[in-house]
Amino acid sequence: MRGSGFEAGERVQVLLAANGRQQWESAVAGGAGRFTVAFRGPLGACARYTVHAFGSKGSRARVLQRRALPDCVSPSGGSTHT
């Protein structure tokens, strides 16, 4: 995950909530206010997740759950048209 818009040198705690589990990682924002963190383990192609980032100087960011890819949407089970 990459983040931006934080203060230079700000310590950032990042929470990934996915598949009923939570993982925390931390980073320090560089001079341009950007950071990168890597989480262990695959999410899966159709996983839904939420990411929150909390900066030590009060900055906050959130990524809401990702939309499902078209291949991940199950059929509605409704009637078919011919």
Protein backbone atom coordinates (compact mmCIF):
# COMPACT_ATOMS: atom_id res chain seq x y z
CA MET A 1 0.00 0.00 0.00
CA ARG A 2 1.16 3.50 -0.75
CA GLY A 3 -0.02 6.65 0.98
CA SER A 4 0.55 10.36 0.52
CA GLY A 5 -0.53 13.65 2.05
CA PHE A 6 1.11 13.06 5.43
CA GLU A 7 3.62 15.32 7.16
CA ALA A 8 7.31 14.75 6.38
CA GLY A 9 8.75 12.43 9.04
CA GLU A 10 5.33 11.50 10.40
CA ARG A 11 5.10 7.96 11.77
CA VAL A 12 2.14 6.19 10.18
CA GLN A 13 0.31 3.13 11.52
CA VAL A 14 -1.65 1.31 8.79
CA LEU A 15 -4.46 -1.16 9.47
CA LEU A 16 -5.63 -3.62 6.81
CA ALA A 17 -8.95 -5.35 7.58
CA ALA A 18 -9.70 -8.17 5.15
CA ASN A 19 -11.25 -11.62 5.19
CA GLY A 20 -12.19 -11.29 8.87
CA ARG A 21 -8.59 -10.55 9.91
CA GLN A 22 -6.64 -7.44 10.83
CA GLN A 23 -2.99 -6.68 10.11
CA TRP A 24 -0.97 -3.66 11.25
CA GLU A 25 2.14 -2.24 9.62
CA SER A 26 4.03 0.98 10.23
CA ALA A 27 6.14 3.38 8.19
CA VAL A 28 7.62 6.84 8.35
CA ALA A 29 6.51 9.35 5.69
CA GLY A 30 9.37 10.71 3.61
CA GLY A 31 10.12 14.34 2.81
CA ALA A 32 7.21 14.52 0.34
CA GLY A 33 4.77 13.03 2.90
CA ARG A 34 4.58 9.63 1.17
CA PHE A 35 5.01 6.13 2.57
CA THR A 36 4.79 2.51 1.47
CA VAL A 37 3.93 -0.57 3.54
CA ALA A 38 3.68 -4.23 2.57
CA PHE A 39 1.28 -6.70 4.16
CA ARG A 40 1.96 -10.42 4.39
CA GLY A 41 -0.27 -12.91 2.65
CA PRO A 42 -2.51 -12.72 -0.40
CA LEU A 43 -5.86 -10.97 -0.37
CA GLY A 44 -7.32 -12.98 -3.22
CA ALA A 45 -8.68 -11.62 -6.47
CA CYS A 46 -12.19 -11.01 -5.09
CA ALA A 47 -11.33 -9.94 -1.54
CA ARG A 48 -13.02 -6.92 -0.02
CA TYR A 49 -10.89 -4.86 2.30
CA THR A 50 -10.60 -1.60 4.20
CA VAL A 51 -7.37 0.28 4.95
CA HIS A 52 -6.95 2.97 7.62
CA ALA A 53 -3.77 5.03 8.13
CA PHE A 54 -3.15 6.99 11.33
CA GLY A 55 -0.34 9.54 11.45
CA SER A 56 1.47 10.49 14.66
CA LYS A 57 0.90 14.19 13.89
CA GLY A 58 -2.86 13.81 13.47
CA SER A 59 -3.07 12.93 9.76
CA ARG A 60 -5.59 10.24 8.84
CA ALA A 61 -6.59 8.44 5.67
CA ARG A 62 -9.02 5.69 4.78
CA VAL A 63 -9.58 3.47 1.76
CA LEU A 64 -13.10 2.07 1.71
CA GLN A 65 -13.90 -1.41 0.58
CA ARG A 66 -12.92 -2.05 -2.97
CA ARG A 67 -15.68 -2.65 -5.50
CA ALA A 68 -15.98 -6.21 -6.67
CA LEU A 69 -14.51 -6.96 -10.05
CA PRO A 70 -17.04 -7.98 -12.72
CA ASP A 71 -15.74 -11.58 -12.64
CA CYS A 72 -16.38 -11.68 -8.87
CA VAL A 73 -20.05 -10.70 -8.99
CA SER A 74 -22.31 -13.71 -8.69
CA PRO A 75 -25.33 -14.00 -10.96
CA SER A 76 -28.53 -12.53 -9.56
CA GLY A 77 -30.44 -15.72 -10.13
CA GLY A 78 -33.24 -13.78 -11.79
CA SER A 79 -34.99 -14.68 -15.00
CA THR A 80 -33.06 -14.78 -18.25
CA HIS A 81 -34.12 -13.10 -21.45
CA THR A 82 -33.80 -14.85 -24.82
